[in-house]
C-alpha atoms as a PDB file:
ATOM      1  CA  MET A   1       0.000   0.000   0.000  1.00  0.00           C
ATOM      2  CA  SER A   2       1.445   3.364  -0.982  1.00  0.00           C
ATOM      3  CA  THR A   3       1.219   6.364   1.259  1.00  0.00           C
ATOM      4  CA  THR A   4       0.009   9.697  -0.012  1.00  0.00           C
ATOM      5  CA  VAL A   5       1.422  12.681   1.849  1.00  0.00           C
ATOM      6  CA  LYS A   6      -0.346  16.016   1.688  1.00  0.00           C
ATOM      7  CA  ILE A   7       1.319  19.262   2.787  1.00  0.00           C
ATOM      8  CA  ARG A   8      -1.069  22.003   3.887  1.00  0.00           C
ATOM      9  CA  ALA A   9      -1.281  25.048   6.124  1.00  0.00           C
ATOM     10  CA  ALA A  10      -1.824  24.159   9.770  1.00  0.00           C
ATOM     11  CA  THR A  11      -5.104  25.117  11.406  1.00  0.00           C
ATOM     12  CA  LEU A  12      -6.119  25.548  15.018  1.00  0.00           C
ATOM     13  CA  SER A  13      -7.606  22.045  14.972  1.00  0.00           C
ATOM     14  CA  ASP A  14      -4.090  20.648  14.353  1.00  0.00           C
ATOM     15  CA  ALA A  15      -2.743  21.908  17.707  1.00  0.00           C
ATOM     16  CA  GLY A  16      -3.142  18.564  19.490  1.00  0.00           C
ATOM     17  CA  ALA A  17      -1.509  16.489  16.762  1.00  0.00           C
ATOM     18  CA  ILE A  18       1.326  19.006  16.325  1.00  0.00           C
ATOM     19  CA  ALA A  19       1.938  19.029  20.089  1.00  0.00           C
ATOM     20  CA  LYS A  20       2.104  15.229  20.166  1.00  0.00           C
ATOM     21  CA  VAL A  21       4.636  15.082  17.316  1.00  0.00           C
ATOM     22  CA  HIS A  22       6.606  17.936  18.911  1.00  0.00           C
ATOM     23  CA  VAL A  23       6.999  16.146  22.255  1.00  0.00           C
ATOM     24  CA  ILE A  24       7.607  12.656  20.826  1.00  0.00           C
ATOM     25  CA  ALA A  25      10.188  13.977  18.357  1.00  0.00           C
ATOM     26  CA  TRP A  26      12.041  15.902  21.076  1.00  0.00           C
ATOM     27  CA  ARG A  27      12.056  12.911  23.418  1.00  0.00           C
ATOM     28  CA  THR A  28      13.549  10.770  20.657  1.00  0.00           C
ATOM     29  CA  ALA A  29      15.863  13.188  18.837  1.00  0.00           C
ATOM     30  CA  TYR A  30      17.411  14.770  21.906  1.00  0.00           C
ATOM     31  CA  VAL A  31      18.208  11.698  24.040  1.00  0.00           C
ATOM     32  CA  ASN A  32      21.819  12.077  25.221  1.00  0.00           C
ATOM     33  CA  ILE A  33      21.819  15.643  23.861  1.00  0.00           C
ATOM     34  CA  MET A  34      19.482  17.475  26.259  1.00  0.00           C
ATOM     35  CA  PRO A  35      19.151  16.752  29.970  1.00  0.00           C
ATOM     36  CA  GLN A  36      16.885  13.709  30.365  1.00  0.00           C
ATOM     37  CA  THR A  37      15.028  15.443  33.198  1.00  0.00           C
ATOM     38  CA  HIS A  38      14.037  18.176  30.752  1.00  0.00           C
ATOM     39  CA  LEU A  39      12.845  15.669  28.156  1.00  0.00           C
ATOM     40  CA  ASP A  40      10.878  13.774  30.809  1.00  0.00           C
ATOM     41  CA  SER A  41       9.232  17.021  31.916  1.00  0.00           C
ATOM     42  CA  LEU A  42       7.760  17.760  28.478  1.00  0.00           C
ATOM     43  CA  ARG A  43       3.971  17.519  28.501  1.00  0.00           C
ATOM     44  CA  ILE A  44       1.803  17.255  25.429  1.00  0.00           C
ATOM     45  CA  GLU A  45      -0.951  19.234  27.183  1.00  0.00           C
ATOM     46  CA  GLU A  46       1.388  22.200  27.663  1.00  0.00           C
ATOM     47  CA  LYS A  47       2.456  22.073  24.025  1.00  0.00           C
ATOM     48  CA  VAL A  48      -1.214  21.978  22.956  1.00  0.00           C
ATOM     49  CA  THR A  49      -1.709  25.299  24.740  1.00  0.00           C
ATOM     50  CA  LEU A  50       1.386  26.721  23.033  1.00  0.00           C
ATOM     51  CA  TRP A  51       0.338  25.512  19.585  1.00  0.00           C
ATOM     52  CA  LYS A  52      -3.213  26.793  20.018  1.00  0.00           C
ATOM     53  CA  GLN A  53      -1.738  30.213  20.735  1.00  0.00           C
ATOM     54  CA  ILE A  54       0.604  30.021  17.738  1.00  0.00           C
ATOM     55  CA  LEU A  55      -2.145  28.865  15.387  1.00  0.00           C
ATOM     56  CA  SER A  56      -4.927  31.130  16.636  1.00  0.00           C
ATOM     57  CA  ASP A  57      -6.395  33.534  14.120  1.00  0.00           C
ATOM     58  CA  SER A  58      -5.814  36.465  16.462  1.00  0.00           C
ATOM     59  CA  CYS A  59      -2.121  35.665  16.906  1.00  0.00           C
ATOM     60  CA  LYS A  60      -0.982  35.125  13.295  1.00  0.00           C
ATOM     61  CA  ALA A  61       2.342  34.228  14.845  1.00  0.00           C
ATOM     62  CA  ALA A  62       3.942  31.831  12.444  1.00  0.00           C
ATOM     63  CA  ASN A  63       3.883  30.135   9.123  1.00  0.00           C
ATOM     64  CA  VAL A  64       3.187  26.513   9.995  1.00  0.00           C
ATOM     65  CA  LEU A  65       2.663  23.685   7.536  1.00  0.00           C
ATOM     66  CA  VAL A  66       1.788  20.087   8.317  1.00  0.00           C
ATOM     67  CA  ALA A  67       2.394  16.815   6.508  1.00  0.00           C
ATOM     68  CA  GLU A  68      -0.527  14.403   6.591  1.00  0.00           C
ATOM     69  CA  GLU A  69      -0.596  10.756   5.636  1.00  0.00           C
ATOM     70  CA  GLN A  70      -3.706   9.921   3.668  1.00  0.00           C
ATOM     71  CA  THR A  71      -4.108   6.180   3.396  1.00  0.00           C
ATOM     72  CA  GLN A  72      -6.635   4.753   5.820  1.00  0.00           C
ATOM     73  CA  GLY A  73      -7.840   7.955   7.411  1.00  0.00           C
ATOM     74  CA  THR A  74      -5.624  10.947   8.022  1.00  0.00           C
ATOM     75  CA  ARG A  75      -2.628  11.100  10.344  1.00  0.00           C
ATOM     76  CA  LEU A  76      -0.297  14.028  10.988  1.00  0.00           C
ATOM     77  CA  LEU A  77       3.293  13.006  10.235  1.00  0.00           C
ATOM     78  CA  GLY A  78       5.084  16.240  11.039  1.00  0.00           C
ATOM     79  CA  PHE A  79       5.210  20.007  10.845  1.00  0.00           C
ATOM     80  CA  VAL A  80       7.442  22.908   9.891  1.00  0.00           C
ATOM     81  CA  SER A  81       7.423  26.440  11.305  1.00  0.00           C
ATOM     82  CA  PHE A  82       9.248  29.276   9.578  1.00  0.00           C
ATOM     83  CA  GLY A  83       9.293  33.016   9.119  1.00  0.00           C
ATOM     84  CA  ASP A  84      11.320  36.185   9.347  1.00  0.00           C
ATOM     85  CA  ALA A  85      14.729  35.683  10.970  1.00  0.00           C
ATOM     86  CA  ALA A  86      14.659  39.266  12.245  1.00  0.00           C
ATOM     87  CA  ALA A  87      11.357  38.847  14.087  1.00  0.00           C
ATOM     88  CA  PRO A  88      12.049  39.720  17.737  1.00  0.00           C
ATOM     89  CA  SER A  89       9.610  37.160  19.117  1.00  0.00           C
ATOM     90  CA  PRO A  90       7.547  34.184  17.976  1.00  0.00           C
ATOM     91  CA  ASN A  91       4.443  36.343  18.395  1.00  0.00           C
ATOM     92  CA  ARG A  92       5.308  38.607  15.473  1.00  0.00           C
ATOM     93  CA  ARG A  93       3.787  37.824  12.103  1.00  0.00           C
ATOM     94  CA  ALA A  94       6.418  36.508   9.723  1.00  0.00           C
ATOM     95  CA  PHE A  95       7.269  38.323   6.506  1.00  0.00           C
ATOM     96  CA  VAL A  96       5.975  41.716   7.678  1.00  0.00           C
ATOM     97  CA  ASN A  97       9.099  43.618   6.664  1.00  0.00           C
ATOM     98  CA  GLY A  98       9.873  43.343   2.968  1.00  0.00           C
ATOM     99  CA  ALA A  99      13.369  44.756   3.554  1.00  0.00           C
ATOM    100  CA  ILE A 100      14.371  41.734   5.652  1.00  0.00           C
ATOM    101  CA  LYS A 101      15.763  39.080   3.342  1.00  0.00           C
ATOM    102  CA  THR A 102      16.764  36.267   5.721  1.00  0.00           C
ATOM    103  CA  GLY A 103      14.136  33.727   6.639  1.00  0.00           C
ATOM    104  CA  GLU A 104      14.331  31.376   9.587  1.00  0.00           C
ATOM    105  CA  LEU A 105      13.418  27.734   9.780  1.00  0.00           C
ATOM    106  CA  ARG A 106      12.169  27.669  13.380  1.00  0.00           C
ATOM    107  CA  ALA A 107      11.170  24.034  13.718  1.00  0.00           C
ATOM    108  CA  ILE A 108      10.770  20.962  11.586  1.00  0.00           C
ATOM    109  CA  TYR A 109       9.756  17.783  13.345  1.00  0.00           C
ATOM    110  CA  VAL A 110       8.427  14.470  12.078  1.00  0.00           C
ATOM    111  CA  ASP A 111       7.018  11.630  14.157  1.00  0.00           C
ATOM    112  CA  PRO A 112      10.027   9.332  14.765  1.00  0.00           C
ATOM    113  CA  GLN A 113       8.132   6.345  13.344  1.00  0.00           C
ATOM    114  CA  ASP A 114       8.087   8.245  10.038  1.00  0.00           C
ATOM    115  CA  TRP A 115      11.718   9.401   9.951  1.00  0.00           C
ATOM    116  CA  SER A 116      13.591   8.834   6.682  1.00  0.00           C
ATOM    117  CA  LYS A 117      10.393   8.373   4.673  1.00  0.00           C
ATOM    118  CA  GLY A 118      10.356  11.765   2.938  1.00  0.00           C
ATOM    119  CA  ALA A 119       7.902  13.820   5.008  1.00  0.00           C
ATOM    120  CA  GLY A 120      10.646  16.091   6.352  1.00  0.00           C
ATOM    121  CA  ARG A 121      11.955  16.794   2.854  1.00  0.00           C
ATOM    122  CA  GLN A 122       8.443  17.530   1.617  1.00  0.00           C
ATOM    123  CA  LEU A 123       7.853  19.914   4.517  1.00  0.00           C
ATOM    124  CA  TRP A 124      11.162  21.655   3.826  1.00  0.00           C
ATOM    125  CA  LYS A 125      10.389  21.940   0.101  1.00  0.00           C
ATOM    126  CA  ALA A 126       6.994  23.545   0.805  1.00  0.00           C
ATOM    127  CA  ALA A 127       8.497  25.957   3.362  1.00  0.00           C
ATOM    128  CA  GLN A 128      11.286  26.858   0.945  1.00  0.00           C
ATOM    129  CA  GLU A 129       8.737  27.656  -1.780  1.00  0.00           C
ATOM    130  CA  GLN A 130       6.862  29.992   0.573  1.00  0.00           C
ATOM    131  CA  LEU A 131      10.076  31.684   1.700  1.00  0.00           C
ATOM    132  CA  ILE A 132      11.021  32.291  -1.933  1.00  0.00           C
ATOM    133  CA  GLU A 133       7.517  33.626  -2.699  1.00  0.00           C
ATOM    134  CA  ALA A 134       7.960  36.037   0.221  1.00  0.00           C
ATOM    135  CA  GLN A 135      11.208  37.233  -1.427  1.00  0.00           C
ATOM    136  CA  PHE A 136      13.654  35.947   1.156  1.00  0.00           C
ATOM    137  CA  THR A 137      17.080  35.389  -0.368  1.00  0.00           C
ATOM    138  CA  THR A 138      18.549  33.194   2.379  1.00  0.00           C
ATOM    139  CA  VAL A 139      17.253  30.998   5.168  1.00  0.00           C
ATOM    140  CA  ALA A 140      18.934  30.073   8.447  1.00  0.00           C
ATOM    141  CA  VAL A 141      18.379  27.336  11.000  1.00  0.00           C
ATOM    142  CA  LEU A 142      19.905  26.821  14.435  1.00  0.00           C
ATOM    143  CA  VAL A 143      20.636  23.191  15.342  1.00  0.00           C
ATOM    144  CA  LEU A 144      22.090  21.575  18.444  1.00  0.00           C
ATOM    145  CA  ALA A 145      25.684  20.685  17.553  1.00  0.00           C
ATOM    146  CA  LYS A 146      25.275  17.099  18.794  1.00  0.00           C
ATOM    147  CA  ASN A 147      22.161  16.542  16.662  1.00  0.00           C
ATOM    148  CA  GLU A 148      24.044  14.880  13.827  1.00  0.00           C
ATOM    149  CA  ARG A 149      20.869  13.515  12.235  1.00  0.00           C
ATOM    150  CA  ALA A 150      19.437  17.033  11.817  1.00  0.00           C
ATOM    151  CA  ILE A 151      22.726  18.485  10.586  1.00  0.00           C
ATOM    152  CA  HIS A 152      22.968  15.716   7.986  1.00  0.00           C
ATOM    153  CA  PHE A 153      19.370  16.432   6.871  1.00  0.00           C
ATOM    154  CA  TYR A 154      20.017  20.147   6.429  1.00  0.00           C
ATOM    155  CA  GLU A 155      23.302  19.602   4.610  1.00  0.00           C
ATOM    156  CA  ALA A 156      21.575  17.100   2.310  1.00  0.00           C
ATOM    157  CA  VAL A 157      19.033  19.761   1.262  1.00  0.00           C
ATOM    158  CA  GLY A 158      21.707  22.388   0.615  1.00  0.00           C
ATOM    159  CA  PHE A 159      22.411  24.142   3.915  1.00  0.00           C
ATOM    160  CA  ALA A 160      25.998  24.865   4.985  1.00  0.00           C
ATOM    161  CA  LYS A 161      27.406  25.586   8.436  1.00  0.00           C
ATOM    162  CA  ASP A 162      28.227  29.247   8.961  1.00  0.00           C
ATOM    163  CA  GLY A 163      28.391  29.843  12.692  1.00  0.00           C
ATOM    164  CA  ALA A 164      28.212  28.452  16.202  1.00  0.00           C
ATOM    165  CA  GLY A 165      26.898  29.475  19.576  1.00  0.00           C
ATOM    166  CA  SER A 166      25.050  28.069  22.538  1.00  0.00           C
ATOM    167  CA  ILE A 167      21.613  28.082  24.135  1.00  0.00           C
ATOM    168  CA  GLU A 168      20.339  27.079  27.546  1.00  0.00           C
ATOM    169  CA  VAL A 169      17.802  24.254  27.729  1.00  0.00           C
ATOM    170  CA  GLY A 170      16.691  22.558  30.904  1.00  0.00           C
ATOM    171  CA  GLY A 171      19.461  24.225  32.889  1.00  0.00           C
ATOM    172  CA  ALA A 172      22.226  23.038  30.554  1.00  0.00           C
ATOM    173  CA  SER A 173      24.274  25.076  28.108  1.00  0.00           C
ATOM    174  CA  LEU A 174      24.108  23.358  24.712  1.00  0.00           C
ATOM    175  CA  GLU A 175      26.365  24.118  21.754  1.00  0.00           C
ATOM    176  CA  THR A 176      24.586  25.109  18.542  1.00  0.00           C
ATOM    177  CA  VAL A 177      25.444  25.274  14.873  1.00  0.00           C
ATOM    178  CA  ARG A 178      23.900  27.798  12.505  1.00  0.00           C
ATOM    179  CA  LEU A 179      23.325  26.592   8.966  1.00  0.00           C
ATOM    180  CA  THR A 180      22.246  28.768   6.047  1.00  0.00           C
ATOM    181  CA  LYS A 181      21.084  28.241   2.498  1.00  0.00           C
ATOM    182  CA  ALA A 182      20.717  30.628  -0.420  1.00  0.00           C
ATOM    183  CA  LEU A 183      17.189  30.631  -1.815  1.00  0.00           C
ATOM    184  CA  ASN A 184      16.963  30.815  -5.581  1.00  0.00           C
END
């Protein structure tokens, strides 16, 4: 049986499924990278609240696309969130300033049971098309330096490392890598 994947704009009704993928993907991808106590503390219910806020019509906070499997019923496989790299907070509508030319890939997560099946690439391709339509000339993503799987994914779709830094997560300082890609 072949799987049909549909990419579409996320709606408020997707908040629960996005939150579930978000938490499951973090708990899988970040084992031995983030503090386990932090991963164990993640709650789907809290992420539902966050995603409802992000996806609410009044917020207009982010560009979020979802990948759905359409075989027997519909199942959310993953999501991508992206926008203006210069936006000072996630509550600012992306693409509001036409003079800003660098987009940001804020999150791309796929249910771990669906890793390496193409949903992530399809999500990236759709996000890239929208970034180009919005006249961004480059896109950047920040990745945990120990997340080799993610770095490999981004390099495979044309990103290159161009910087490093660190962030604090769960009380730990984690090294990051910035990757960028020209959009053309």
